[in-house]
Amino acid sequence: MQKRRLLLIVLALGILIVWRQLHKEDEAKVIHLTGTTMGVVPYSIKYIDMAGRDYQKQIDSILVDFNNSLSTYIPSSEISRFNARDTVTYETPYLMPILNISQEIYKKSYGAFDPTIGPLVNAWGFGPEKKLHLDSAFIDSLKQKIGFEKVFFDKKIATKQTGVYLDFSATAKGYAVDVIADYIYEQGIRNFMVEIGGEVVCRGKNNSETYWKIGIEKPEVSPERGQLFATTFIKNTALATSGNYRNYYEEGGRIISHTISPFTGYSIRHNLLSASIYAPNCALADGYATACMVLGLEKSIQMIEENPELEGFLIFSDENGKLNYYGSEKIMSSIEILK
């Protein structure tokens, strides 16, 4: 009886293998699209589609429209014209949603995430303009223009106080990931990964029928890509990581990071090195990750624990100068530490 059962199992497996060989054309195909957006930001998109459809042209077209709306590097963009005129009637589907998202993060991050930080970012040399000569008086004058409460909007129009400059670079990559993920979903595709500049949304499973696996870099001050600190499975959610170990310069023996505090007007200095935030969408994850880098370790943990929609993985330097980490309870089962 046992031998007969084993024989039937082997026979069934053999039939399945032969059937799959004869019907390879009917199997779902893995499509991998790569390119650049926002100037030099790379993207990588993978999806599983029975029809093997290639959406490269459509995705590139969407990303061009997205940049023409929200890029401060394009003088004719919607956001550039808003910055120049103080009032805008929405012309694209992108500006009002990012204003809503920004307002939510601004409130829940105690003001640490603030898209009006633009004048300070530009002054420190991390925006479309050249670095300015800075002193405390000039920084104090720029701080008078900072504060998202100076921006007002409804479903049709947005206005702001004169001199306020909006810059959504802290959420642009994450928001673009959401836009492309929504487009892919609308095509009837349910298993995909969209990654732009390290920010990612994953839905469903990969071609191995497991959840998508993403690496979290070891935060080392180097212009080159470093080793991985951890890997994480992404289960139908978004992940964004922010840190100060890529975009920086040295001045007077001091490292000036791209994260500028809206509270002080200066480049931040604390022991939080990297913040990875899991959220329902990537714009939220991106914005909250940026807020963490302003807030530092303790306040970031407080913010994560106060918001049920968030999970976080923070890498920091402990009192001995060694890398350590904090992970919120629900997410740690999906993370493997590699150090």
C-alpha atoms as a PDB file:
ATOM      1  CA  MET A   1       0.000   0.000   0.000  1.00  0.00           C
ATOM      2  CA  GLN A   2       2.811   2.398   0.950  1.00  0.00           C
ATOM      3  CA  LYS A   3       4.747   1.590  -2.234  1.00  0.00           C
ATOM      4  CA  ARG A   4       1.667   2.172  -4.337  1.00  0.00           C
ATOM      5  CA  ARG A   5       1.115   5.562  -2.701  1.00  0.00           C
ATOM      6  CA  LEU A   6       4.719   6.598  -3.350  1.00  0.00           C
ATOM      7  CA  LEU A   7       4.416   5.434  -6.952  1.00  0.00           C
ATOM      8  CA  LEU A   8       1.302   7.545  -7.449  1.00  0.00           C
ATOM      9  CA  ILE A   9       3.040  10.613  -5.971  1.00  0.00           C
ATOM     10  CA  VAL A  10       6.062  10.156  -8.258  1.00  0.00           C
ATOM     11  CA  LEU A  11       3.764   9.671 -11.248  1.00  0.00           C
ATOM     12  CA  ALA A  12       1.789  12.823 -10.383  1.00  0.00           C
ATOM     13  CA  LEU A  13       4.997  14.853 -10.067  1.00  0.00           C
ATOM     14  CA  GLY A  14       6.196  13.515 -13.399  1.00  0.00           C
ATOM     15  CA  ILE A  15       2.931  14.482 -15.093  1.00  0.00           C
ATOM     16  CA  LEU A  16       3.129  17.969 -13.540  1.00  0.00           C
ATOM     17  CA  ILE A  17       6.697  18.491 -14.781  1.00  0.00           C
ATOM     18  CA  VAL A  18       5.793  17.364 -18.314  1.00  0.00           C
ATOM     19  CA  TRP A  19       2.680  19.568 -18.314  1.00  0.00           C
ATOM     20  CA  ARG A  20       4.672  22.633 -17.231  1.00  0.00           C
ATOM     21  CA  GLN A  21       7.258  21.999 -19.951  1.00  0.00           C
ATOM     22  CA  LEU A  22       4.483  21.820 -22.562  1.00  0.00           C
ATOM     23  CA  HIS A  23       2.757  24.976 -21.263  1.00  0.00           C
ATOM     24  CA  LYS A  24       5.688  27.283 -20.553  1.00  0.00           C
ATOM     25  CA  GLU A  25       4.121  29.969 -22.679  1.00  0.00           C
ATOM     26  CA  ASP A  26       1.133  30.024 -20.283  1.00  0.00           C
ATOM     27  CA  GLU A  27       3.246  30.720 -17.177  1.00  0.00           C
ATOM     28  CA  ALA A  28       3.369  34.161 -15.635  1.00  0.00           C
ATOM     29  CA  LYS A  29       6.348  36.171 -16.804  1.00  0.00           C
ATOM     30  CA  VAL A  30       8.619  38.297 -14.632  1.00  0.00           C
ATOM     31  CA  ILE A  31       9.108  41.726 -16.184  1.00  0.00           C
ATOM     32  CA  HIS A  32      12.035  43.836 -14.946  1.00  0.00           C
ATOM     33  CA  LEU A  33      12.165  47.483 -15.980  1.00  0.00           C
ATOM     34  CA  THR A  34      15.022  49.857 -15.119  1.00  0.00           C
ATOM     35  CA  GLY A  35      15.766  53.484 -15.854  1.00  0.00           C
ATOM     36  CA  THR A  36      16.345  56.883 -14.284  1.00  0.00           C
ATOM     37  CA  THR A  37      14.103  59.713 -13.161  1.00  0.00           C
ATOM     38  CA  MET A  38      14.474  63.046 -11.360  1.00  0.00           C
ATOM     39  CA  GLY A  39      17.750  63.577 -13.198  1.00  0.00           C
ATOM     40  CA  VAL A  40      19.953  60.705 -12.081  1.00  0.00           C
ATOM     41  CA  VAL A  41      17.787  58.738  -9.634  1.00  0.00           C
ATOM     42  CA  PRO A  42      17.636  55.063 -10.677  1.00  0.00           C
ATOM     43  CA  TYR A  43      14.472  53.015 -10.610  1.00  0.00           C
ATOM     44  CA  SER A  44      13.862  49.268 -10.668  1.00  0.00           C
ATOM     45  CA  ILE A  45      10.416  47.769 -11.231  1.00  0.00           C
ATOM     46  CA  LYS A  46       9.558  44.089 -11.208  1.00  0.00           C
ATOM     47  CA  TYR A  47       6.131  42.597 -11.772  1.00  0.00           C
ATOM     48  CA  ILE A  48       4.619  39.244 -12.618  1.00  0.00           C
ATOM     49  CA  ASP A  49       2.267  39.274 -15.590  1.00  0.00           C
ATOM     50  CA  MET A  50       0.805  36.344 -17.496  1.00  0.00           C
ATOM     51  CA  ALA A  51       0.665  38.454 -20.663  1.00  0.00           C
ATOM     52  CA  GLY A  52       4.258  39.702 -20.291  1.00  0.00           C
ATOM     53  CA  ARG A  53       3.207  43.302 -20.913  1.00  0.00           C
ATOM     54  CA  ASP A  54       5.943  45.952 -21.018  1.00  0.00           C
ATOM     55  CA  TYR A  55       4.900  49.283 -19.470  1.00  0.00           C
ATOM     56  CA  GLN A  56       8.285  51.042 -19.755  1.00  0.00           C
ATOM     57  CA  LYS A  57       7.064  53.847 -22.036  1.00  0.00           C
ATOM     58  CA  GLN A  58       3.961  54.515 -19.964  1.00  0.00           C
ATOM     59  CA  ILE A  59       5.915  54.572 -16.705  1.00  0.00           C
ATOM     60  CA  ASP A  60       8.569  56.915 -18.110  1.00  0.00           C
ATOM     61  CA  SER A  61       5.826  59.221 -19.373  1.00  0.00           C
ATOM     62  CA  ILE A  62       4.164  59.307 -15.940  1.00  0.00           C
ATOM     63  CA  LEU A  63       7.501  60.106 -14.276  1.00  0.00           C
ATOM     64  CA  VAL A  64       8.127  62.986 -16.700  1.00  0.00           C
ATOM     65  CA  ASP A  65       4.708  64.457 -15.860  1.00  0.00           C
ATOM     66  CA  PHE A  66       5.428  63.947 -12.157  1.00  0.00           C
ATOM     67  CA  ASN A  67       8.712  65.877 -12.382  1.00  0.00           C
ATOM     68  CA  ASN A  68       7.074  68.633 -14.391  1.00  0.00           C
ATOM     69  CA  SER A  69       4.709  69.099 -11.475  1.00  0.00           C
ATOM     70  CA  LEU A  70       6.932  68.801  -8.384  1.00  0.00           C
ATOM     71  CA  SER A  71      10.585  69.372  -9.336  1.00  0.00           C
ATOM     72  CA  THR A  72      12.132  72.586  -8.024  1.00  0.00           C
ATOM     73  CA  TYR A  73      14.930  72.039 -10.571  1.00  0.00           C
ATOM     74  CA  ILE A  74      12.488  72.738 -13.429  1.00  0.00           C
ATOM     75  CA  PRO A  75      11.690  76.495 -13.565  1.00  0.00           C
ATOM     76  CA  SER A  76       8.387  75.894 -15.387  1.00  0.00           C
ATOM     77  CA  SER A  77       7.139  73.161 -13.019  1.00  0.00           C
ATOM     78  CA  GLU A  78       3.923  73.596 -11.083  1.00  0.00           C
ATOM     79  CA  ILE A  79       5.762  73.855  -7.764  1.00  0.00           C
ATOM     80  CA  SER A  80       8.305  76.370  -9.143  1.00  0.00           C
ATOM     81  CA  ARG A  81       5.481  78.615 -10.355  1.00  0.00           C
ATOM     82  CA  PHE A  82       3.754  78.283  -6.985  1.00  0.00           C
ATOM     83  CA  ASN A  83       6.957  79.305  -5.231  1.00  0.00           C
ATOM     84  CA  ALA A  84       7.265  82.352  -7.479  1.00  0.00           C
ATOM     85  CA  ARG A  85       3.625  83.524  -7.394  1.00  0.00           C
ATOM     86  CA  ASP A  86       2.356  82.444  -3.942  1.00  0.00           C
ATOM     87  CA  THR A  87      -0.904  81.117  -5.455  1.00  0.00           C
ATOM     88  CA  VAL A  88      -1.652  78.191  -7.747  1.00  0.00           C
ATOM     89  CA  THR A  89      -4.758  76.552  -9.151  1.00  0.00           C
ATOM     90  CA  TYR A  90      -3.966  72.850  -9.489  1.00  0.00           C
ATOM     91  CA  GLU A  91      -3.046  71.772 -12.990  1.00  0.00           C
ATOM     92  CA  THR A  92      -1.853  68.231 -12.268  1.00  0.00           C
ATOM     93  CA  PRO A  93      -3.071  65.425  -9.982  1.00  0.00           C
ATOM     94  CA  TYR A  94       0.094  65.532  -7.884  1.00  0.00           C
ATOM     95  CA  LEU A  95       0.272  68.799  -5.941  1.00  0.00           C
ATOM     96  CA  MET A  96      -2.827  68.640  -3.739  1.00  0.00           C
ATOM     97  CA  PRO A  97      -2.197  65.049  -2.505  1.00  0.00           C
ATOM     98  CA  ILE A  98       1.388  65.860  -1.493  1.00  0.00           C
ATOM     99  CA  LEU A  99       0.172  68.959   0.358  1.00  0.00           C
ATOM    100  CA  ASN A 100      -2.288  66.769   2.290  1.00  0.00           C
ATOM    101  CA  ILE A 101       0.348  64.159   3.078  1.00  0.00           C
ATOM    102  CA  SER A 102       2.846  66.836   4.118  1.00  0.00           C
ATOM    103  CA  GLN A 103       0.353  68.448   6.471  1.00  0.00           C
ATOM    104  CA  GLU A 104      -0.315  65.076   8.155  1.00  0.00           C
ATOM    105  CA  ILE A 105       3.385  64.280   8.631  1.00  0.00           C
ATOM    106  CA  TYR A 106       4.156  67.837   9.767  1.00  0.00           C
ATOM    107  CA  LYS A 107       1.609  67.572  12.572  1.00  0.00           C
ATOM    108  CA  LYS A 108       2.478  64.039  13.676  1.00  0.00           C
ATOM    109  CA  SER A 109       6.247  64.613  13.567  1.00  0.00           C
ATOM    110  CA  TYR A 110       6.058  67.636  15.899  1.00  0.00           C
ATOM    111  CA  GLY A 111       7.084  69.876  12.979  1.00  0.00           C
ATOM    112  CA  ALA A 112      10.301  67.944  12.215  1.00  0.00           C
ATOM    113  CA  PHE A 113       9.123  67.228   8.675  1.00  0.00           C
ATOM    114  CA  ASP A 114       8.571  70.578   6.997  1.00  0.00           C
ATOM    115  CA  PRO A 115       8.505  71.108   3.183  1.00  0.00           C
ATOM    116  CA  THR A 116       9.017  74.863   3.713  1.00  0.00           C
ATOM    117  CA  ILE A 117      12.614  74.091   4.753  1.00  0.00           C
ATOM    118  CA  GLY A 118      13.607  74.877   1.141  1.00  0.00           C
ATOM    119  CA  PRO A 119      15.341  78.252   1.754  1.00  0.00           C
ATOM    120  CA  LEU A 120      17.620  76.672   4.359  1.00  0.00           C
ATOM    121  CA  VAL A 121      18.300  73.603   2.202  1.00  0.00           C
ATOM    122  CA  ASN A 122      19.241  75.876  -0.708  1.00  0.00           C
ATOM    123  CA  ALA A 123      21.406  78.101   1.493  1.00  0.00           C
ATOM    124  CA  TRP A 124      23.393  75.081   2.706  1.00  0.00           C
ATOM    125  CA  GLY A 125      23.971  73.971  -0.900  1.00  0.00           C
ATOM    126  CA  PHE A 126      21.648  70.962  -1.111  1.00  0.00           C
ATOM    127  CA  GLY A 127      19.063  72.452  -3.467  1.00  0.00           C
ATOM    128  CA  PRO A 128      19.066  73.796  -7.033  1.00  0.00           C
ATOM    129  CA  GLU A 129      21.005  76.917  -5.958  1.00  0.00           C
ATOM    130  CA  LYS A 130      24.662  77.373  -4.983  1.00  0.00           C
ATOM    131  CA  LYS A 131      25.660  77.357  -1.319  1.00  0.00           C
ATOM    132  CA  LEU A 132      25.540  80.794   0.306  1.00  0.00           C
ATOM    133  CA  HIS A 133      27.846  82.375   2.852  1.00  0.00           C
ATOM    134  CA  LEU A 134      26.108  81.664   6.141  1.00  0.00           C
ATOM    135  CA  ASP A 135      26.212  83.259   9.557  1.00  0.00           C
ATOM    136  CA  SER A 136      23.843  83.054  12.504  1.00  0.00           C
ATOM    137  CA  ALA A 137      22.010  86.276  11.610  1.00  0.00           C
ATOM    138  CA  PHE A 138      21.338  85.122   8.058  1.00  0.00           C
ATOM    139  CA  ILE A 139      20.153  81.700   9.231  1.00  0.00           C
ATOM    140  CA  ASP A 140      17.812  83.372  11.736  1.00  0.00           C
ATOM    141  CA  SER A 141      16.371  85.490   8.919  1.00  0.00           C
ATOM    142  CA  LEU A 142      15.713  82.398   6.804  1.00  0.00           C
ATOM    143  CA  LYS A 143      14.025  80.649   9.721  1.00  0.00           C
ATOM    144  CA  GLN A 144      11.343  83.355   9.687  1.00  0.00           C
ATOM    145  CA  LYS A 145      10.147  81.902   6.374  1.00  0.00           C
ATOM    146  CA  ILE A 146       9.914  78.355   7.694  1.00  0.00           C
ATOM    147  CA  GLY A 147       6.690  76.724   8.894  1.00  0.00           C
ATOM    148  CA  PHE A 148       4.084  74.665   7.048  1.00  0.00           C
ATOM    149  CA  GLU A 149       1.344  76.567   8.860  1.00  0.00           C
ATOM    150  CA  LYS A 150       2.175  79.379   6.395  1.00  0.00           C
ATOM    151  CA  VAL A 151       0.705  77.283   3.547  1.00  0.00           C
ATOM    152  CA  PHE A 152      -3.056  77.144   2.911  1.00  0.00           C
ATOM    153  CA  PHE A 153      -4.916  74.905   0.454  1.00  0.00           C
ATOM    154  CA  ASP A 154      -8.230  73.339  -0.452  1.00  0.00           C
ATOM    155  CA  LYS A 155      -9.374  71.048  -3.271  1.00  0.00           C
ATOM    156  CA  LYS A 156      -8.930  73.678  -5.981  1.00  0.00           C
ATOM    157  CA  ILE A 157      -6.247  76.158  -4.990  1.00  0.00           C
ATOM    158  CA  ALA A 158      -3.169  76.588  -2.798  1.00  0.00           C
ATOM    159  CA  THR A 159      -1.737  79.809  -1.379  1.00  0.00           C
ATOM    160  CA  LYS A 160       1.162  80.683   0.901  1.00  0.00           C
ATOM    161  CA  GLN A 161       2.753  83.631   2.609  1.00  0.00           C
ATOM    162  CA  THR A 162       5.187  85.619   0.456  1.00  0.00           C
ATOM    163  CA  GLY A 163       8.723  84.339   0.780  1.00  0.00           C
ATOM    164  CA  VAL A 164       7.714  80.797   1.712  1.00  0.00           C
ATOM    165  CA  TYR A 165       9.430  78.265  -0.539  1.00  0.00           C
ATOM    166  CA  LEU A 166       8.135  74.708  -0.868  1.00  0.00           C
ATOM    167  CA  ASP A 167      10.417  71.775  -1.611  1.00  0.00           C
ATOM    168  CA  PHE A 168       9.017  68.223  -1.626  1.00  0.00           C
ATOM    169  CA  SER A 169      12.333  66.465  -2.250  1.00  0.00           C
ATOM    170  CA  ALA A 170      12.037  64.668   1.105  1.00  0.00           C
ATOM    171  CA  THR A 171       8.933  62.816  -0.130  1.00  0.00           C
ATOM    172  CA  ALA A 172       9.275  63.013  -3.927  1.00  0.00           C
ATOM    173  CA  LYS A 173      10.853  59.592  -4.439  1.00  0.00           C
ATOM    174  CA  GLY A 174       8.373  57.909  -2.130  1.00  0.00           C
ATOM    175  CA  TYR A 175       5.418  59.697  -3.703  1.00  0.00           C
ATOM    176  CA  ALA A 176       6.636  58.740  -7.200  1.00  0.00           C
ATOM    177  CA  VAL A 177       6.821  55.097  -6.064  1.00  0.00           C
ATOM    178  CA  ASP A 178       3.162  55.313  -4.992  1.00  0.00           C
ATOM    179  CA  VAL A 179       2.125  56.836  -8.313  1.00  0.00           C
ATOM    180  CA  ILE A 180       3.805  54.057 -10.318  1.00  0.00           C
ATOM    181  CA  ALA A 181       2.573  51.331  -7.960  1.00  0.00           C
ATOM    182  CA  ASP A 182      -0.991  52.613  -8.374  1.00  0.00           C
ATOM    183  CA  TYR A 183      -0.593  52.570 -12.165  1.00  0.00           C
ATOM    184  CA  ILE A 184       0.670  48.969 -12.171  1.00  0.00           C
ATOM    185  CA  TYR A 185      -2.167  47.898  -9.870  1.00  0.00           C
ATOM    186  CA  GLU A 186      -4.683  49.541 -12.214  1.00  0.00           C
ATOM    187  CA  GLN A 187      -3.419  47.266 -15.001  1.00  0.00           C
ATOM    188  CA  GLY A 188      -4.635  44.252 -13.033  1.00  0.00           C
ATOM    189  CA  ILE A 189      -1.174  43.251 -11.761  1.00  0.00           C
ATOM    190  CA  ARG A 190      -1.146  42.118  -8.126  1.00  0.00           C
ATOM    191  CA  ASN A 191       2.452  40.932  -7.589  1.00  0.00           C
ATOM    192  CA  PHE A 192       5.057  43.655  -8.014  1.00  0.00           C
ATOM    193  CA  MET A 193       7.893  45.676  -6.549  1.00  0.00           C
ATOM    194  CA  VAL A 194       8.479  49.353  -7.372  1.00  0.00           C
ATOM    195  CA  GLU A 195      11.742  50.936  -6.188  1.00  0.00           C
ATOM    196  CA  ILE A 196      12.942  54.473  -6.890  1.00  0.00           C
ATOM    197  CA  GLY A 197      16.194  55.626  -5.332  1.00  0.00           C
ATOM    198  CA  GLY A 198      15.923  53.090  -2.518  1.00  0.00           C
ATOM    199  CA  GLU A 199      12.279  53.763  -1.595  1.00  0.00           C
ATOM    200  CA  VAL A 200       9.987  50.836  -2.306  1.00  0.00           C
ATOM    201  CA  VAL A 201       6.435  49.498  -2.417  1.00  0.00           C
ATOM    202  CA  CYS A 202       5.866  45.736  -2.624  1.00  0.00           C
ATOM    203  CA  ARG A 203       2.573  43.966  -3.249  1.00  0.00           C
ATOM    204  CA  GLY A 204       1.889  40.256  -3.343  1.00  0.00           C
ATOM    205  CA  LYS A 205       4.821  37.876  -3.815  1.00  0.00           C
ATOM    206  CA  ASN A 206       7.734  37.368  -6.182  1.00  0.00           C
ATOM    207  CA  ASN A 207       8.160  34.598  -8.768  1.00  0.00           C
ATOM    208  CA  SER A 208       9.453  32.271  -6.028  1.00  0.00           C
ATOM    209  CA  GLU A 209       6.125  32.774  -4.244  1.00  0.00           C
ATOM    210  CA  THR A 210       7.768  34.421  -1.250  1.00  0.00           C
ATOM    211  CA  TYR A 211       7.451  37.993  -0.034  1.00  0.00           C
ATOM    212  CA  TRP A 212       9.789  40.495  -1.658  1.00  0.00           C
ATOM    213  CA  LYS A 213      13.131  40.802   0.167  1.00  0.00           C
ATOM    214  CA  ILE A 214      14.914  44.167   0.486  1.00  0.00           C
ATOM    215  CA  GLY A 215      18.321  45.078   1.905  1.00  0.00           C
ATOM    216  CA  ILE A 216      18.928  47.787   4.520  1.00  0.00           C
ATOM    217  CA  GLU A 217      22.379  49.305   4.163  1.00  0.00           C
ATOM    218  CA  LYS A 218      24.945  49.646   6.903  1.00  0.00           C
ATOM    219  CA  PRO A 219      25.122  53.433   7.509  1.00  0.00           C
ATOM    220  CA  GLU A 220      28.715  54.227   6.650  1.00  0.00           C
ATOM    221  CA  VAL A 221      29.924  57.668   5.573  1.00  0.00           C
ATOM    222  CA  SER A 222      31.045  56.888   2.049  1.00  0.00           C
ATOM    223  CA  PRO A 223      29.985  57.986  -1.442  1.00  0.00           C
ATOM    224  CA  GLU A 224      29.989  54.321  -2.497  1.00  0.00           C
ATOM    225  CA  ARG A 225      27.344  51.726  -1.791  1.00  0.00           C
ATOM    226  CA  GLY A 226      28.144  49.884   1.408  1.00  0.00           C
ATOM    227  CA  GLN A 227      27.455  46.506   2.925  1.00  0.00           C
ATOM    228  CA  LEU A 228      24.054  45.409   4.153  1.00  0.00           C
ATOM    229  CA  PHE A 229      23.198  45.710   7.831  1.00  0.00           C
ATOM    230  CA  ALA A 230      19.962  43.738   7.530  1.00  0.00           C
ATOM    231  CA  THR A 231      17.424  42.308   5.115  1.00  0.00           C
ATOM    232  CA  THR A 232      13.664  42.574   5.431  1.00  0.00           C
ATOM    233  CA  PHE A 233      10.626  40.993   3.848  1.00  0.00           C
ATOM    234  CA  ILE A 234       8.094  43.556   2.622  1.00  0.00           C
ATOM    235  CA  LYS A 235       4.563  42.268   3.072  1.00  0.00           C
ATOM    236  CA  ASN A 236       2.152  44.458   1.097  1.00  0.00           C
ATOM    237  CA  THR A 237       3.492  47.733   2.415  1.00  0.00           C
ATOM    238  CA  ALA A 238       5.953  50.541   1.703  1.00  0.00           C
ATOM    239  CA  LEU A 239       9.470  51.066   3.031  1.00  0.00           C
ATOM    240  CA  ALA A 240      11.654  54.177   2.909  1.00  0.00           C
ATOM    241  CA  THR A 241      15.075  54.734   4.443  1.00  0.00           C
ATOM    242  CA  SER A 242      16.698  58.043   5.274  1.00  0.00           C
ATOM    243  CA  GLY A 243      20.231  58.671   6.488  1.00  0.00           C
ATOM    244  CA  ASN A 244      23.076  61.155   6.435  1.00  0.00           C
ATOM    245  CA  TYR A 245      25.773  58.826   5.122  1.00  0.00           C
ATOM    246  CA  ARG A 246      25.329  59.562   1.391  1.00  0.00           C
ATOM    247  CA  ASN A 247      24.457  63.204   0.732  1.00  0.00           C
ATOM    248  CA  TYR A 248      26.946  65.386   2.600  1.00  0.00           C
ATOM    249  CA  TYR A 249      30.083  67.491   2.231  1.00  0.00           C
ATOM    250  CA  GLU A 250      32.959  68.453   4.486  1.00  0.00           C
ATOM    251  CA  GLU A 251      33.652  72.031   5.546  1.00  0.00           C
ATOM    252  CA  GLY A 252      36.172  73.168   8.121  1.00  0.00           C
ATOM    253  CA  GLY A 253      36.771  69.612   9.258  1.00  0.00           C
ATOM    254  CA  ARG A 254      33.060  69.073   9.895  1.00  0.00           C
ATOM    255  CA  ILE A 255      30.620  66.890   7.966  1.00  0.00           C
ATOM    256  CA  ILE A 256      27.594  68.857   6.761  1.00  0.00           C
ATOM    257  CA  SER A 257      24.710  66.474   6.140  1.00  0.00           C
ATOM    258  CA  HIS A 258      21.780  67.206   3.850  1.00  0.00           C
ATOM    259  CA  THR A 259      19.298  66.965   6.732  1.00  0.00           C
ATOM    260  CA  ILE A 260      18.709  70.515   7.942  1.00  0.00           C
ATOM    261  CA  SER A 261      16.726  71.061  11.131  1.00  0.00           C
ATOM    262  CA  PRO A 262      13.735  73.409  10.736  1.00  0.00           C
ATOM    263  CA  PHE A 263      14.127  74.168  14.458  1.00  0.00           C
ATOM    264  CA  THR A 264      17.768  75.311  14.461  1.00  0.00           C
ATOM    265  CA  GLY A 265      18.472  76.028  10.796  1.00  0.00           C
ATOM    266  CA  TYR A 266      21.655  73.965  10.974  1.00  0.00           C
ATOM    267  CA  SER A 267      22.729  70.528   9.759  1.00  0.00           C
ATOM    268  CA  ILE A 268      21.697  67.912  12.308  1.00  0.00           C
ATOM    269  CA  ARG A 269      24.227  66.130  14.547  1.00  0.00           C
ATOM    270  CA  HIS A 270      23.136  63.169  16.671  1.00  0.00           C
ATOM    271  CA  ASN A 271      23.673  59.421  16.997  1.00  0.00           C
ATOM    272  CA  LEU A 272      20.777  58.280  14.789  1.00  0.00           C
ATOM    273  CA  LEU A 273      22.425  57.168  11.550  1.00  0.00           C
ATOM    274  CA  SER A 274      19.622  55.565   9.562  1.00  0.00           C
ATOM    275  CA  ALA A 275      15.824  55.389   9.773  1.00  0.00           C
ATOM    276  CA  SER A 276      13.748  52.837   7.860  1.00  0.00           C
ATOM    277  CA  ILE A 277      10.015  53.421   8.097  1.00  0.00           C
ATOM    278  CA  TYR A 278       7.246  51.023   7.041  1.00  0.00           C
ATOM    279  CA  ALA A 279       3.936  52.724   6.201  1.00  0.00           C
ATOM    280  CA  PRO A 280       0.749  52.173   4.151  1.00  0.00           C
ATOM    281  CA  ASN A 281       2.203  54.242   1.306  1.00  0.00           C
ATOM    282  CA  CYS A 282       5.703  55.310   0.354  1.00  0.00           C
ATOM    283  CA  ALA A 283       5.169  59.072   0.557  1.00  0.00           C
ATOM    284  CA  LEU A 284       4.321  58.661   4.241  1.00  0.00           C
ATOM    285  CA  ALA A 285       7.256  56.315   4.791  1.00  0.00           C
ATOM    286  CA  ASP A 286       9.634  58.744   3.062  1.00  0.00           C
ATOM    287  CA  GLY A 287       8.427  61.771   5.004  1.00  0.00           C
ATOM    288  CA  TYR A 288       8.500  60.065   8.392  1.00  0.00           C
ATOM    289  CA  ALA A 289      11.981  58.659   7.699  1.00  0.00           C
ATOM    290  CA  THR A 290      13.163  62.217   7.029  1.00  0.00           C
ATOM    291  CA  ALA A 291      11.488  63.401  10.237  1.00  0.00           C
ATOM    292  CA  CYS A 292      13.383  60.742  12.190  1.00  0.00           C
ATOM    293  CA  MET A 293      16.698  62.097  10.971  1.00  0.00           C
ATOM    294  CA  VAL A 294      15.730  65.515  12.329  1.00  0.00           C
ATOM    295  CA  LEU A 295      14.324  64.244  15.626  1.00  0.00           C
ATOM    296  CA  GLY A 296      17.057  61.829  16.700  1.00  0.00           C
ATOM    297  CA  LEU A 297      16.686  58.433  18.322  1.00  0.00           C
ATOM    298  CA  GLU A 298      14.448  58.978  21.368  1.00  0.00           C
ATOM    299  CA  LYS A 299      11.907  61.299  19.749  1.00  0.00           C
ATOM    300  CA  SER A 300      11.786  59.072  16.654  1.00  0.00           C
ATOM    301  CA  ILE A 301      10.899  56.045  18.758  1.00  0.00           C
ATOM    302  CA  GLN A 302       8.203  58.112  20.474  1.00  0.00           C
ATOM    303  CA  MET A 303       6.782  59.224  17.104  1.00  0.00           C
ATOM    304  CA  ILE A 304       6.722  55.660  15.744  1.00  0.00           C
ATOM    305  CA  GLU A 305       5.040  54.280  18.856  1.00  0.00           C
ATOM    306  CA  GLU A 306       2.409  57.042  18.806  1.00  0.00           C
ATOM    307  CA  ASN A 307       1.366  56.215  15.230  1.00  0.00           C
ATOM    308  CA  PRO A 308      -0.221  52.753  14.751  1.00  0.00           C
ATOM    309  CA  GLU A 309       0.180  52.956  10.961  1.00  0.00           C
ATOM    310  CA  LEU A 310       3.981  53.106  11.283  1.00  0.00           C
ATOM    311  CA  GLU A 311       6.690  50.546  11.984  1.00  0.00           C
ATOM    312  CA  GLY A 312      10.333  51.508  12.253  1.00  0.00           C
ATOM    313  CA  PHE A 313      13.867  50.131  12.167  1.00  0.00           C
ATOM    314  CA  LEU A 314      16.500  52.596  13.391  1.00  0.00           C
ATOM    315  CA  ILE A 315      20.272  52.158  13.281  1.00  0.00           C
ATOM    316  CA  PHE A 316      22.284  54.275  15.706  1.00  0.00           C
ATOM    317  CA  SER A 317      25.701  54.663  17.272  1.00  0.00           C
ATOM    318  CA  ASP A 318      25.675  53.600  20.931  1.00  0.00           C
ATOM    319  CA  GLU A 319      27.714  55.050  23.809  1.00  0.00           C
ATOM    320  CA  ASN A 320      30.667  52.854  22.776  1.00  0.00           C
ATOM    321  CA  GLY A 321      30.573  54.075  19.179  1.00  0.00           C
ATOM    322  CA  LYS A 322      29.256  50.744  17.895  1.00  0.00           C
ATOM    323  CA  LEU A 323      26.280  50.239  15.609  1.00  0.00           C
ATOM    324  CA  ASN A 324      23.103  49.214  17.387  1.00  0.00           C
ATOM    325  CA  TYR A 325      19.458  49.131  16.365  1.00  0.00           C
ATOM    326  CA  TYR A 326      15.886  49.597  17.462  1.00  0.00           C
ATOM    327  CA  GLY A 327      13.000  47.803  15.774  1.00  0.00           C
ATOM    328  CA  SER A 328       9.316  48.194  16.537  1.00  0.00           C
ATOM    329  CA  GLU A 329       7.756  44.991  17.810  1.00  0.00           C
ATOM    330  CA  LYS A 330       5.594  44.003  14.844  1.00  0.00           C
ATOM    331  CA  ILE A 331       8.320  44.378  12.222  1.00  0.00           C
ATOM    332  CA  MET A 332      11.223  42.502  13.813  1.00  0.00           C
ATOM    333  CA  SER A 333       9.893  39.087  12.736  1.00  0.00           C
ATOM    334  CA  SER A 334      10.418  40.246   9.109  1.00  0.00           C
ATOM    335  CA  ILE A 335      14.011  41.456   9.628  1.00  0.00           C
ATOM    336  CA  GLU A 336      17.255  39.484   9.585  1.00  0.00           C
ATOM    337  CA  ILE A 337      20.292  41.237  11.087  1.00  0.00           C
ATOM    338  CA  LEU A 338      23.457  40.514   9.090  1.00  0.00           C
ATOM    339  CA  LYS A 339      26.093  42.264  11.184  1.00  0.00           C
END
